[in-house]
């Protein structure tokens, strides 16, 4: 879950978003 969250943060940076604060699967 930590890895998925951190991957989501990387995606946020790629789309010029400072933070995605949650992940839902």
PDBML (XML) file of the C-alpha atoms, coordinates in Angstrom:
<?xml version="1.0" encoding="UTF-8" ?>
<PDBx:datablock datablockName="MODEL"
   xmlns:PDBx="http://pdbml.pdb.org/schema/pdbx-v50.xsd"
   xmlns:xsi="http://www.w3.org/2001/XMLSchema-instance"
   xsi:schemaLocation="http://pdbml.pdb.org/schema/pdbx-v50.xsd pdbx-v50.xsd">
   <PDBx:atom_siteCategory>
      <PDBx:atom_site id="1">
         <PDBx:B_iso_or_equiv>0.00</PDBx:B_iso_or_equiv>
         <PDBx:Cartn_x>0.000</PDBx:Cartn_x>
         <PDBx:Cartn_y>0.000</PDBx:Cartn_y>
         <PDBx:Cartn_z>0.000</PDBx:Cartn_z>
         <PDBx:auth_asym_id>A</PDBx:auth_asym_id>
         <PDBx:auth_atom_id>CA</PDBx:auth_atom_id>
         <PDBx:auth_comp_id>UNK</PDBx:auth_comp_id>
         <PDBx:auth_seq_id>1</PDBx:auth_seq_id>
         <PDBx:group_PDB>ATOM</PDBx:group_PDB>
         <PDBx:label_alt_id xsi:nil="true" />
         <PDBx:label_asym_id>A</PDBx:label_asym_id>
         <PDBx:label_atom_id>CA</PDBx:label_atom_id>
         <PDBx:label_comp_id>UNK</PDBx:label_comp_id>
         <PDBx:label_entity_id>1</PDBx:label_entity_id>
         <PDBx:label_seq_id>1</PDBx:label_seq_id>
         <PDBx:occupancy>1.00</PDBx:occupancy>
         <PDBx:pdbx_PDB_model_num>1</PDBx:pdbx_PDB_model_num>
         <PDBx:type_symbol>C</PDBx:type_symbol>
      </PDBx:atom_site>
      <PDBx:atom_site id="2">
         <PDBx:B_iso_or_equiv>0.00</PDBx:B_iso_or_equiv>
         <PDBx:Cartn_x>2.890</PDBx:Cartn_x>
         <PDBx:Cartn_y>2.324</PDBx:Cartn_y>
         <PDBx:Cartn_z>0.743</PDBx:Cartn_z>
         <PDBx:auth_asym_id>A</PDBx:auth_asym_id>
         <PDBx:auth_atom_id>CA</PDBx:auth_atom_id>
         <PDBx:auth_comp_id>UNK</PDBx:auth_comp_id>
         <PDBx:auth_seq_id>2</PDBx:auth_seq_id>
         <PDBx:group_PDB>ATOM</PDBx:group_PDB>
         <PDBx:label_alt_id xsi:nil="true" />
         <PDBx:label_asym_id>A</PDBx:label_asym_id>
         <PDBx:label_atom_id>CA</PDBx:label_atom_id>
         <PDBx:label_comp_id>UNK</PDBx:label_comp_id>
         <PDBx:label_entity_id>1</PDBx:label_entity_id>
         <PDBx:label_seq_id>2</PDBx:label_seq_id>
         <PDBx:occupancy>1.00</PDBx:occupancy>
         <PDBx:pdbx_PDB_model_num>1</PDBx:pdbx_PDB_model_num>
         <PDBx:type_symbol>C</PDBx:type_symbol>
      </PDBx:atom_site>
      <PDBx:atom_site id="3">
         <PDBx:B_iso_or_equiv>0.00</PDBx:B_iso_or_equiv>
         <PDBx:Cartn_x>4.451</PDBx:Cartn_x>
         <PDBx:Cartn_y>1.497</PDBx:Cartn_y>
         <PDBx:Cartn_z>-2.627</PDBx:Cartn_z>
         <PDBx:auth_asym_id>A</PDBx:auth_asym_id>
         <PDBx:auth_atom_id>CA</PDBx:auth_atom_id>
         <PDBx:auth_comp_id>UNK</PDBx:auth_comp_id>
         <PDBx:auth_seq_id>3</PDBx:auth_seq_id>
         <PDBx:group_PDB>ATOM</PDBx:group_PDB>
         <PDBx:label_alt_id xsi:nil="true" />
         <PDBx:label_asym_id>A</PDBx:label_asym_id>
         <PDBx:label_atom_id>CA</PDBx:label_atom_id>
         <PDBx:label_comp_id>UNK</PDBx:label_comp_id>
         <PDBx:label_entity_id>1</PDBx:label_entity_id>
         <PDBx:label_seq_id>3</PDBx:label_seq_id>
         <PDBx:occupancy>1.00</PDBx:occupancy>
         <PDBx:pdbx_PDB_model_num>1</PDBx:pdbx_PDB_model_num>
         <PDBx:type_symbol>C</PDBx:type_symbol>
      </PDBx:atom_site>
      <PDBx:atom_site id="4">
         <PDBx:B_iso_or_equiv>0.00</PDBx:B_iso_or_equiv>
         <PDBx:Cartn_x>1.151</PDBx:Cartn_x>
         <PDBx:Cartn_y>2.112</PDBx:Cartn_y>
         <PDBx:Cartn_z>-4.439</PDBx:Cartn_z>
         <PDBx:auth_asym_id>A</PDBx:auth_asym_id>
         <PDBx:auth_atom_id>CA</PDBx:auth_atom_id>
         <PDBx:auth_comp_id>UNK</PDBx:auth_comp_id>
         <PDBx:auth_seq_id>4</PDBx:auth_seq_id>
         <PDBx:group_PDB>ATOM</PDBx:group_PDB>
         <PDBx:label_alt_id xsi:nil="true" />
         <PDBx:label_asym_id>A</PDBx:label_asym_id>
         <PDBx:label_atom_id>CA</PDBx:label_atom_id>
         <PDBx:label_comp_id>UNK</PDBx:label_comp_id>
         <PDBx:label_entity_id>1</PDBx:label_entity_id>
         <PDBx:label_seq_id>4</PDBx:label_seq_id>
         <PDBx:occupancy>1.00</PDBx:occupancy>
         <PDBx:pdbx_PDB_model_num>1</PDBx:pdbx_PDB_model_num>
         <PDBx:type_symbol>C</PDBx:type_symbol>
      </PDBx:atom_site>
      <PDBx:atom_site id="5">
         <PDBx:B_iso_or_equiv>0.00</PDBx:B_iso_or_equiv>
         <PDBx:Cartn_x>0.756</PDBx:Cartn_x>
         <PDBx:Cartn_y>5.441</PDBx:Cartn_y>
         <PDBx:Cartn_z>-2.665</PDBx:Cartn_z>
         <PDBx:auth_asym_id>A</PDBx:auth_asym_id>
         <PDBx:auth_atom_id>CA</PDBx:auth_atom_id>
         <PDBx:auth_comp_id>UNK</PDBx:auth_comp_id>
         <PDBx:auth_seq_id>5</PDBx:auth_seq_id>
         <PDBx:group_PDB>ATOM</PDBx:group_PDB>
         <PDBx:label_alt_id xsi:nil="true" />
         <PDBx:label_asym_id>A</PDBx:label_asym_id>
         <PDBx:label_atom_id>CA</PDBx:label_atom_id>
         <PDBx:label_comp_id>UNK</PDBx:label_comp_id>
         <PDBx:label_entity_id>1</PDBx:label_entity_id>
         <PDBx:label_seq_id>5</PDBx:label_seq_id>
         <PDBx:occupancy>1.00</PDBx:occupancy>
         <PDBx:pdbx_PDB_model_num>1</PDBx:pdbx_PDB_model_num>
         <PDBx:type_symbol>C</PDBx:type_symbol>
      </PDBx:atom_site>
      <PDBx:atom_site id="6">
         <PDBx:B_iso_or_equiv>0.00</PDBx:B_iso_or_equiv>
         <PDBx:Cartn_x>4.297</PDBx:Cartn_x>
         <PDBx:Cartn_y>6.521</PDBx:Cartn_y>
         <PDBx:Cartn_z>-3.534</PDBx:Cartn_z>
         <PDBx:auth_asym_id>A</PDBx:auth_asym_id>
         <PDBx:auth_atom_id>CA</PDBx:auth_atom_id>
         <PDBx:auth_comp_id>UNK</PDBx:auth_comp_id>
         <PDBx:auth_seq_id>6</PDBx:auth_seq_id>
         <PDBx:group_PDB>ATOM</PDBx:group_PDB>
         <PDBx:label_alt_id xsi:nil="true" />
         <PDBx:label_asym_id>A</PDBx:label_asym_id>
         <PDBx:label_atom_id>CA</PDBx:label_atom_id>
         <PDBx:label_comp_id>UNK</PDBx:label_comp_id>
         <PDBx:label_entity_id>1</PDBx:label_entity_id>
         <PDBx:label_seq_id>6</PDBx:label_seq_id>
         <PDBx:occupancy>1.00</PDBx:occupancy>
         <PDBx:pdbx_PDB_model_num>1</PDBx:pdbx_PDB_model_num>
         <PDBx:type_symbol>C</PDBx:type_symbol>
      </PDBx:atom_site>
      <PDBx:atom_site id="7">
         <PDBx:B_iso_or_equiv>0.00</PDBx:B_iso_or_equiv>
         <PDBx:Cartn_x>3.766</PDBx:Cartn_x>
         <PDBx:Cartn_y>5.509</PDBx:Cartn_y>
         <PDBx:Cartn_z>-7.179</PDBx:Cartn_z>
         <PDBx:auth_asym_id>A</PDBx:auth_asym_id>
         <PDBx:auth_atom_id>CA</PDBx:auth_atom_id>
         <PDBx:auth_comp_id>UNK</PDBx:auth_comp_id>
         <PDBx:auth_seq_id>7</PDBx:auth_seq_id>
         <PDBx:group_PDB>ATOM</PDBx:group_PDB>
         <PDBx:label_alt_id xsi:nil="true" />
         <PDBx:label_asym_id>A</PDBx:label_asym_id>
         <PDBx:label_atom_id>CA</PDBx:label_atom_id>
         <PDBx:label_comp_id>UNK</PDBx:label_comp_id>
         <PDBx:label_entity_id>1</PDBx:label_entity_id>
         <PDBx:label_seq_id>7</PDBx:label_seq_id>
         <PDBx:occupancy>1.00</PDBx:occupancy>
         <PDBx:pdbx_PDB_model_num>1</PDBx:pdbx_PDB_model_num>
         <PDBx:type_symbol>C</PDBx:type_symbol>
      </PDBx:atom_site>
      <PDBx:atom_site id="8">
         <PDBx:B_iso_or_equiv>0.00</PDBx:B_iso_or_equiv>
         <PDBx:Cartn_x>0.622</PDBx:Cartn_x>
         <PDBx:Cartn_y>7.636</PDBx:Cartn_y>
         <PDBx:Cartn_z>-7.133</PDBx:Cartn_z>
         <PDBx:auth_asym_id>A</PDBx:auth_asym_id>
         <PDBx:auth_atom_id>CA</PDBx:auth_atom_id>
         <PDBx:auth_comp_id>UNK</PDBx:auth_comp_id>
         <PDBx:auth_seq_id>8</PDBx:auth_seq_id>
         <PDBx:group_PDB>ATOM</PDBx:group_PDB>
         <PDBx:label_alt_id xsi:nil="true" />
         <PDBx:label_asym_id>A</PDBx:label_asym_id>
         <PDBx:label_atom_id>CA</PDBx:label_atom_id>
         <PDBx:label_comp_id>UNK</PDBx:label_comp_id>
         <PDBx:label_entity_id>1</PDBx:label_entity_id>
         <PDBx:label_seq_id>8</PDBx:label_seq_id>
         <PDBx:occupancy>1.00</PDBx:occupancy>
         <PDBx:pdbx_PDB_model_num>1</PDBx:pdbx_PDB_model_num>
         <PDBx:type_symbol>C</PDBx:type_symbol>
      </PDBx:atom_site>
      <PDBx:atom_site id="9">
         <PDBx:B_iso_or_equiv>0.00</PDBx:B_iso_or_equiv>
         <PDBx:Cartn_x>2.683</PDBx:Cartn_x>
         <PDBx:Cartn_y>10.581</PDBx:Cartn_y>
         <PDBx:Cartn_z>-5.844</PDBx:Cartn_z>
         <PDBx:auth_asym_id>A</PDBx:auth_asym_id>
         <PDBx:auth_atom_id>CA</PDBx:auth_atom_id>
         <PDBx:auth_comp_id>UNK</PDBx:auth_comp_id>
         <PDBx:auth_seq_id>9</PDBx:auth_seq_id>
         <PDBx:group_PDB>ATOM</PDBx:group_PDB>
         <PDBx:label_alt_id xsi:nil="true" />
         <PDBx:label_asym_id>A</PDBx:label_asym_id>
         <PDBx:label_atom_id>CA</PDBx:label_atom_id>
         <PDBx:label_comp_id>UNK</PDBx:label_comp_id>
         <PDBx:label_entity_id>1</PDBx:label_entity_id>
         <PDBx:label_seq_id>9</PDBx:label_seq_id>
         <PDBx:occupancy>1.00</PDBx:occupancy>
         <PDBx:pdbx_PDB_model_num>1</PDBx:pdbx_PDB_model_num>
         <PDBx:type_symbol>C</PDBx:type_symbol>
      </PDBx:atom_site>
      <PDBx:atom_site id="10">
         <PDBx:B_iso_or_equiv>0.00</PDBx:B_iso_or_equiv>
         <PDBx:Cartn_x>5.064</PDBx:Cartn_x>
         <PDBx:Cartn_y>10.156</PDBx:Cartn_y>
         <PDBx:Cartn_z>-8.779</PDBx:Cartn_z>
         <PDBx:auth_asym_id>A</PDBx:auth_asym_id>
         <PDBx:auth_atom_id>CA</PDBx:auth_atom_id>
         <PDBx:auth_comp_id>UNK</PDBx:auth_comp_id>
         <PDBx:auth_seq_id>10</PDBx:auth_seq_id>
         <PDBx:group_PDB>ATOM</PDBx:group_PDB>
         <PDBx:label_alt_id xsi:nil="true" />
         <PDBx:label_asym_id>A</PDBx:label_asym_id>
         <PDBx:label_atom_id>CA</PDBx:label_atom_id>
         <PDBx:label_comp_id>UNK</PDBx:label_comp_id>
         <PDBx:label_entity_id>1</PDBx:label_entity_id>
         <PDBx:label_seq_id>10</PDBx:label_seq_id>
         <PDBx:occupancy>1.00</PDBx:occupancy>
         <PDBx:pdbx_PDB_model_num>1</PDBx:pdbx_PDB_model_num>
         <PDBx:type_symbol>C</PDBx:type_symbol>
      </PDBx:atom_site>
      <PDBx:atom_site id="11">
         <PDBx:B_iso_or_equiv>0.00</PDBx:B_iso_or_equiv>
         <PDBx:Cartn_x>2.122</PDBx:Cartn_x>
         <PDBx:Cartn_y>10.222</PDBx:Cartn_y>
         <PDBx:Cartn_z>-11.185</PDBx:Cartn_z>
         <PDBx:auth_asym_id>A</PDBx:auth_asym_id>
         <PDBx:auth_atom_id>CA</PDBx:auth_atom_id>
         <PDBx:auth_comp_id>UNK</PDBx:auth_comp_id>
         <PDBx:auth_seq_id>11</PDBx:auth_seq_id>
         <PDBx:group_PDB>ATOM</PDBx:group_PDB>
         <PDBx:label_alt_id xsi:nil="true" />
         <PDBx:label_asym_id>A</PDBx:label_asym_id>
         <PDBx:label_atom_id>CA</PDBx:label_atom_id>
         <PDBx:label_comp_id>UNK</PDBx:label_comp_id>
         <PDBx:label_entity_id>1</PDBx:label_entity_id>
         <PDBx:label_seq_id>11</PDBx:label_seq_id>
         <PDBx:occupancy>1.00</PDBx:occupancy>
         <PDBx:pdbx_PDB_model_num>1</PDBx:pdbx_PDB_model_num>
         <PDBx:type_symbol>C</PDBx:type_symbol>
      </PDBx:atom_site>
      <PDBx:atom_site id="12">
         <PDBx:B_iso_or_equiv>0.00</PDBx:B_iso_or_equiv>
         <PDBx:Cartn_x>0.887</PDBx:Cartn_x>
         <PDBx:Cartn_y>13.405</PDBx:Cartn_y>
         <PDBx:Cartn_z>-9.485</PDBx:Cartn_z>
         <PDBx:auth_asym_id>A</PDBx:auth_asym_id>
         <PDBx:auth_atom_id>CA</PDBx:auth_atom_id>
         <PDBx:auth_comp_id>UNK</PDBx:auth_comp_id>
         <PDBx:auth_seq_id>12</PDBx:auth_seq_id>
         <PDBx:group_PDB>ATOM</PDBx:group_PDB>
         <PDBx:label_alt_id xsi:nil="true" />
         <PDBx:label_asym_id>A</PDBx:label_asym_id>
         <PDBx:label_atom_id>CA</PDBx:label_atom_id>
         <PDBx:label_comp_id>UNK</PDBx:label_comp_id>
         <PDBx:label_entity_id>1</PDBx:label_entity_id>
         <PDBx:label_seq_id>12</PDBx:label_seq_id>
         <PDBx:occupancy>1.00</PDBx:occupancy>
         <PDBx:pdbx_PDB_model_num>1</PDBx:pdbx_PDB_model_num>
         <PDBx:type_symbol>C</PDBx:type_symbol>
      </PDBx:atom_site>
      <PDBx:atom_site id="13">
         <PDBx:B_iso_or_equiv>0.00</PDBx:B_iso_or_equiv>
         <PDBx:Cartn_x>4.241</PDBx:Cartn_x>
         <PDBx:Cartn_y>15.046</PDBx:Cartn_y>
         <PDBx:Cartn_z>-10.151</PDBx:Cartn_z>
         <PDBx:auth_asym_id>A</PDBx:auth_asym_id>
         <PDBx:auth_atom_id>CA</PDBx:auth_atom_id>
         <PDBx:auth_comp_id>UNK</PDBx:auth_comp_id>
         <PDBx:auth_seq_id>13</PDBx:auth_seq_id>
         <PDBx:group_PDB>ATOM</PDBx:group_PDB>
         <PDBx:label_alt_id xsi:nil="true" />
         <PDBx:label_asym_id>A</PDBx:label_asym_id>
         <PDBx:label_atom_id>CA</PDBx:label_atom_id>
         <PDBx:label_comp_id>UNK</PDBx:label_comp_id>
         <PDBx:label_entity_id>1</PDBx:label_entity_id>
         <PDBx:label_seq_id>13</PDBx:label_seq_id>
         <PDBx:occupancy>1.00</PDBx:occupancy>
         <PDBx:pdbx_PDB_model_num>1</PDBx:pdbx_PDB_model_num>
         <PDBx:type_symbol>C</PDBx:type_symbol>
      </PDBx:atom_site>
      <PDBx:atom_site id="14">
         <PDBx:B_iso_or_equiv>0.00</PDBx:B_iso_or_equiv>
         <PDBx:Cartn_x>4.146</PDBx:Cartn_x>
         <PDBx:Cartn_y>13.954</PDBx:Cartn_y>
         <PDBx:Cartn_z>-13.807</PDBx:Cartn_z>
         <PDBx:auth_asym_id>A</PDBx:auth_asym_id>
         <PDBx:auth_atom_id>CA</PDBx:auth_atom_id>
         <PDBx:auth_comp_id>UNK</PDBx:auth_comp_id>
         <PDBx:auth_seq_id>14</PDBx:auth_seq_id>
         <PDBx:group_PDB>ATOM</PDBx:group_PDB>
         <PDBx:label_alt_id xsi:nil="true" />
         <PDBx:label_asym_id>A</PDBx:label_asym_id>
         <PDBx:label_atom_id>CA</PDBx:label_atom_id>
         <PDBx:label_comp_id>UNK</PDBx:label_comp_id>
         <PDBx:label_entity_id>1</PDBx:label_entity_id>
         <PDBx:label_seq_id>14</PDBx:label_seq_id>
         <PDBx:occupancy>1.00</PDBx:occupancy>
         <PDBx:pdbx_PDB_model_num>1</PDBx:pdbx_PDB_model_num>
         <PDBx:type_symbol>C</PDBx:type_symbol>
      </PDBx:atom_site>
      <PDBx:atom_site id="15">
         <PDBx:B_iso_or_equiv>0.00</PDBx:B_iso_or_equiv>
         <PDBx:Cartn_x>0.805</PDBx:Cartn_x>
         <PDBx:Cartn_y>15.690</PDBx:Cartn_y>
         <PDBx:Cartn_z>-14.323</PDBx:Cartn_z>
         <PDBx:auth_asym_id>A</PDBx:auth_asym_id>
         <PDBx:auth_atom_id>CA</PDBx:auth_atom_id>
         <PDBx:auth_comp_id>UNK</PDBx:auth_comp_id>
         <PDBx:auth_seq_id>15</PDBx:auth_seq_id>
         <PDBx:group_PDB>ATOM</PDBx:group_PDB>
         <PDBx:label_alt_id xsi:nil="true" />
         <PDBx:label_asym_id>A</PDBx:label_asym_id>
         <PDBx:label_atom_id>CA</PDBx:label_atom_id>
         <PDBx:label_comp_id>UNK</PDBx:label_comp_id>
         <PDBx:label_entity_id>1</PDBx:label_entity_id>
         <PDBx:label_seq_id>15</PDBx:label_seq_id>
         <PDBx:occupancy>1.00</PDBx:occupancy>
         <PDBx:pdbx_PDB_model_num>1</PDBx:pdbx_PDB_model_num>
         <PDBx:type_symbol>C</PDBx:type_symbol>
      </PDBx:atom_site>
      <PDBx:atom_site id="16">
         <PDBx:B_iso_or_equiv>0.00</PDBx:B_iso_or_equiv>
         <PDBx:Cartn_x>2.047</PDBx:Cartn_x>
         <PDBx:Cartn_y>18.812</PDBx:Cartn_y>
         <PDBx:Cartn_z>-12.504</PDBx:Cartn_z>
         <PDBx:auth_asym_id>A</PDBx:auth_asym_id>
         <PDBx:auth_atom_id>CA</PDBx:auth_atom_id>
         <PDBx:auth_comp_id>UNK</PDBx:auth_comp_id>
         <PDBx:auth_seq_id>16</PDBx:auth_seq_id>
         <PDBx:group_PDB>ATOM</PDBx:group_PDB>
         <PDBx:label_alt_id xsi:nil="true" />
         <PDBx:label_asym_id>A</PDBx:label_asym_id>
         <PDBx:label_atom_id>CA</PDBx:label_atom_id>
         <PDBx:label_comp_id>UNK</PDBx:label_comp_id>
         <PDBx:label_entity_id>1</PDBx:label_entity_id>
         <PDBx:label_seq_id>16</PDBx:label_seq_id>
         <PDBx:occupancy>1.00</PDBx:occupancy>
         <PDBx:pdbx_PDB_model_num>1</PDBx:pdbx_PDB_model_num>
         <PDBx:type_symbol>C</PDBx:type_symbol>
      </PDBx:atom_site>
      <PDBx:atom_site id="17">
         <PDBx:B_iso_or_equiv>0.00</PDBx:B_iso_or_equiv>
         <PDBx:Cartn_x>-0.015</PDBx:Cartn_x>
         <PDBx:Cartn_y>18.170</PDBx:Cartn_y>
         <PDBx:Cartn_z>-9.388</PDBx:Cartn_z>
         <PDBx:auth_asym_id>A</PDBx:auth_asym_id>
         <PDBx:auth_atom_id>CA</PDBx:auth_atom_id>
         <PDBx:auth_comp_id>UNK</PDBx:auth_comp_id>
         <PDBx:auth_seq_id>17</PDBx:auth_seq_id>
         <PDBx:group_PDB>ATOM</PDBx:group_PDB>
         <PDBx:label_alt_id xsi:nil="true" />
         <PDBx:label_asym_id>A</PDBx:label_asym_id>
         <PDBx:label_atom_id>CA</PDBx:label_atom_id>
         <PDBx:label_comp_id>UNK</PDBx:label_comp_id>
         <PDBx:label_entity_id>1</PDBx:label_entity_id>
         <PDBx:label_seq_id>17</PDBx:label_seq_id>
         <PDBx:occupancy>1.00</PDBx:occupancy>
         <PDBx:pdbx_PDB_model_num>1</PDBx:pdbx_PDB_model_num>
         <PDBx:type_symbol>C</PDBx:type_symbol>
      </PDBx:atom_site>
      <PDBx:atom_site id="18">
         <PDBx:B_iso_or_equiv>0.00</PDBx:B_iso_or_equiv>
         <PDBx:Cartn_x>1.746</PDBx:Cartn_x>
         <PDBx:Cartn_y>18.789</PDBx:Cartn_y>
         <PDBx:Cartn_z>-6.098</PDBx:Cartn_z>
         <PDBx:auth_asym_id>A</PDBx:auth_asym_id>
         <PDBx:auth_atom_id>CA</PDBx:auth_atom_id>
         <PDBx:auth_comp_id>UNK</PDBx:auth_comp_id>
         <PDBx:auth_seq_id>18</PDBx:auth_seq_id>
         <PDBx:group_PDB>ATOM</PDBx:group_PDB>
         <PDBx:label_alt_id xsi:nil="true" />
         <PDBx:label_asym_id>A</PDBx:label_asym_id>
         <PDBx:label_atom_id>CA</PDBx:label_atom_id>
         <PDBx:label_comp_id>UNK</PDBx:label_comp_id>
         <PDBx:label_entity_id>1</PDBx:label_entity_id>
         <PDBx:label_seq_id>18</PDBx:label_seq_id>
         <PDBx:occupancy>1.00</PDBx:occupancy>
         <PDBx:pdbx_PDB_model_num>1</PDBx:pdbx_PDB_model_num>
         <PDBx:type_symbol>C</PDBx:type_symbol>
      </PDBx:atom_site>
      <PDBx:atom_site id="19">
         <PDBx:B_iso_or_equiv>0.00</PDBx:B_iso_or_equiv>
         <PDBx:Cartn_x>-0.050</PDBx:Cartn_x>
         <PDBx:Cartn_y>15.996</PDBx:Cartn_y>
         <PDBx:Cartn_z>-4.271</PDBx:Cartn_z>
         <PDBx:auth_asym_id>A</PDBx:auth_asym_id>
         <PDBx:auth_atom_id>CA</PDBx:auth_atom_id>
         <PDBx:auth_comp_id>UNK</PDBx:auth_comp_id>
         <PDBx:auth_seq_id>19</PDBx:auth_seq_id>
         <PDBx:group_PDB>ATOM</PDBx:group_PDB>
         <PDBx:label_alt_id xsi:nil="true" />
         <PDBx:label_asym_id>A</PDBx:label_asym_id>
         <PDBx:label_atom_id>CA</PDBx:label_atom_id>
         <PDBx:label_comp_id>UNK</PDBx:label_comp_id>
         <PDBx:label_entity_id>1</PDBx:label_entity_id>
         <PDBx:label_seq_id>19</PDBx:label_seq_id>
         <PDBx:occupancy>1.00</PDBx:occupancy>
         <PDBx:pdbx_PDB_model_num>1</PDBx:pdbx_PDB_model_num>
         <PDBx:type_symbol>C</PDBx:type_symbol>
      </PDBx:atom_site>
      <PDBx:atom_site id="20">
         <PDBx:B_iso_or_equiv>0.00</PDBx:B_iso_or_equiv>
         <PDBx:Cartn_x>-2.586</PDBx:Cartn_x>
         <PDBx:Cartn_y>13.225</PDBx:Cartn_y>
         <PDBx:Cartn_z>-4.647</PDBx:Cartn_z>
         <PDBx:auth_asym_id>A</PDBx:auth_asym_id>
         <PDBx:auth_atom_id>CA</PDBx:auth_atom_id>
         <PDBx:auth_comp_id>UNK</PDBx:auth_comp_id>
         <PDBx:auth_seq_id>20</PDBx:auth_seq_id>
         <PDBx:group_PDB>ATOM</PDBx:group_PDB>
         <PDBx:label_alt_id xsi:nil="true" />
         <PDBx:label_asym_id>A</PDBx:label_asym_id>
         <PDBx:label_atom_id>CA</PDBx:label_atom_id>
         <PDBx:label_comp_id>UNK</PDBx:label_comp_id>
         <PDBx:label_entity_id>1</PDBx:label_entity_id>
         <PDBx:label_seq_id>20</PDBx:label_seq_id>
         <PDBx:occupancy>1.00</PDBx:occupancy>
         <PDBx:pdbx_PDB_model_num>1</PDBx:pdbx_PDB_model_num>
         <PDBx:type_symbol>C</PDBx:type_symbol>
      </PDBx:atom_site>
      <PDBx:atom_site id="21">
         <PDBx:B_iso_or_equiv>0.00</PDBx:B_iso_or_equiv>
         <PDBx:Cartn_x>-3.417</PDBx:Cartn_x>
         <PDBx:Cartn_y>12.556</PDBx:Cartn_y>
         <PDBx:Cartn_z>-1.010</PDBx:Cartn_z>
         <PDBx:auth_asym_id>A</PDBx:auth_asym_id>
         <PDBx:auth_atom_id>CA</PDBx:auth_atom_id>
         <PDBx:auth_comp_id>UNK</PDBx:auth_comp_id>
         <PDBx:auth_seq_id>21</PDBx:auth_seq_id>
         <PDBx:group_PDB>ATOM</PDBx:group_PDB>
         <PDBx:label_alt_id xsi:nil="true" />
         <PDBx:label_asym_id>A</PDBx:label_asym_id>
         <PDBx:label_atom_id>CA</PDBx:label_atom_id>
         <PDBx:label_comp_id>UNK</PDBx:label_comp_id>
         <PDBx:label_entity_id>1</PDBx:label_entity_id>
         <PDBx:label_seq_id>21</PDBx:label_seq_id>
         <PDBx:occupancy>1.00</PDBx:occupancy>
         <PDBx:pdbx_PDB_model_num>1</PDBx:pdbx_PDB_model_num>
         <PDBx:type_symbol>C</PDBx:type_symbol>
      </PDBx:atom_site>
      <PDBx:atom_site id="22">
         <PDBx:B_iso_or_equiv>0.00</PDBx:B_iso_or_equiv>
         <PDBx:Cartn_x>-5.275</PDBx:Cartn_x>
         <PDBx:Cartn_y>9.270</PDBx:Cartn_y>
         <PDBx:Cartn_z>-1.477</PDBx:Cartn_z>
         <PDBx:auth_asym_id>A</PDBx:auth_asym_id>
         <PDBx:auth_atom_id>CA</PDBx:auth_atom_id>
         <PDBx:auth_comp_id>UNK</PDBx:auth_comp_id>
         <PDBx:auth_seq_id>22</PDBx:auth_seq_id>
         <PDBx:group_PDB>ATOM</PDBx:group_PDB>
         <PDBx:label_alt_id xsi:nil="true" />
         <PDBx:label_asym_id>A</PDBx:label_asym_id>
         <PDBx:label_atom_id>CA</PDBx:label_atom_id>
         <PDBx:label_comp_id>UNK</PDBx:label_comp_id>
         <PDBx:label_entity_id>1</PDBx:label_entity_id>
         <PDBx:label_seq_id>22</PDBx:label_seq_id>
         <PDBx:occupancy>1.00</PDBx:occupancy>
         <PDBx:pdbx_PDB_model_num>1</PDBx:pdbx_PDB_model_num>
         <PDBx:type_symbol>C</PDBx:type_symbol>
      </PDBx:atom_site>
      <PDBx:atom_site id="23">
         <PDBx:B_iso_or_equiv>0.00</PDBx:B_iso_or_equiv>
         <PDBx:Cartn_x>-5.495</PDBx:Cartn_x>
         <PDBx:Cartn_y>6.089</PDBx:Cartn_y>
         <PDBx:Cartn_z>-3.510</PDBx:Cartn_z>
         <PDBx:auth_asym_id>A</PDBx:auth_asym_id>
         <PDBx:auth_atom_id>CA</PDBx:auth_atom_id>
         <PDBx:auth_comp_id>UNK</PDBx:auth_comp_id>
         <PDBx:auth_seq_id>23</PDBx:auth_seq_id>
         <PDBx:group_PDB>ATOM</PDBx:group_PDB>
         <PDBx:label_alt_id xsi:nil="true" />
         <PDBx:label_asym_id>A</PDBx:label_asym_id>
         <PDBx:label_atom_id>CA</PDBx:label_atom_id>
         <PDBx:label_comp_id>UNK</PDBx:label_comp_id>
         <PDBx:label_entity_id>1</PDBx:label_entity_id>
         <PDBx:label_seq_id>23</PDBx:label_seq_id>
         <PDBx:occupancy>1.00</PDBx:occupancy>
         <PDBx:pdbx_PDB_model_num>1</PDBx:pdbx_PDB_model_num>
         <PDBx:type_symbol>C</PDBx:type_symbol>
      </PDBx:atom_site>
      <PDBx:atom_site id="24">
         <PDBx:B_iso_or_equiv>0.00</PDBx:B_iso_or_equiv>
         <PDBx:Cartn_x>-8.640</PDBx:Cartn_x>
         <PDBx:Cartn_y>4.015</PDBx:Cartn_y>
         <PDBx:Cartn_z>-3.984</PDBx:Cartn_z>
         <PDBx:auth_asym_id>A</PDBx:auth_asym_id>
         <PDBx:auth_atom_id>CA</PDBx:auth_atom_id>
         <PDBx:auth_comp_id>UNK</PDBx:auth_comp_id>
         <PDBx:auth_seq_id>24</PDBx:auth_seq_id>
         <PDBx:group_PDB>ATOM</PDBx:group_PDB>
         <PDBx:label_alt_id xsi:nil="true" />
         <PDBx:label_asym_id>A</PDBx:label_asym_id>
         <PDBx:label_atom_id>CA</PDBx:label_atom_id>
         <PDBx:label_comp_id>UNK</PDBx:label_comp_id>
         <PDBx:label_entity_id>1</PDBx:label_entity_id>
         <PDBx:label_seq_id>24</PDBx:label_seq_id>
         <PDBx:occupancy>1.00</PDBx:occupancy>
         <PDBx:pdbx_PDB_model_num>1</PDBx:pdbx_PDB_model_num>
         <PDBx:type_symbol>C</PDBx:type_symbol>
      </PDBx:atom_site>
      <PDBx:atom_site id="25">
         <PDBx:B_iso_or_equiv>0.00</PDBx:B_iso_or_equiv>
         <PDBx:Cartn_x>-8.562</PDBx:Cartn_x>
         <PDBx:Cartn_y>0.513</PDBx:Cartn_y>
         <PDBx:Cartn_z>-5.460</PDBx:Cartn_z>
         <PDBx:auth_asym_id>A</PDBx:auth_asym_id>
         <PDBx:auth_atom_id>CA</PDBx:auth_atom_id>
         <PDBx:auth_comp_id>UNK</PDBx:auth_comp_id>
         <PDBx:auth_seq_id>25</PDBx:auth_seq_id>
         <PDBx:group_PDB>ATOM</PDBx:group_PDB>
         <PDBx:label_alt_id xsi:nil="true" />
         <PDBx:label_asym_id>A</PDBx:label_asym_id>
         <PDBx:label_atom_id>CA</PDBx:label_atom_id>
         <PDBx:label_comp_id>UNK</PDBx:label_comp_id>
         <PDBx:label_entity_id>1</PDBx:label_entity_id>
         <PDBx:label_seq_id>25</PDBx:label_seq_id>
         <PDBx:occupancy>1.00</PDBx:occupancy>
         <PDBx:pdbx_PDB_model_num>1</PDBx:pdbx_PDB_model_num>
         <PDBx:type_symbol>C</PDBx:type_symbol>
      </PDBx:atom_site>
   </PDBx:atom_siteCategory>
</PDBx:datablock>
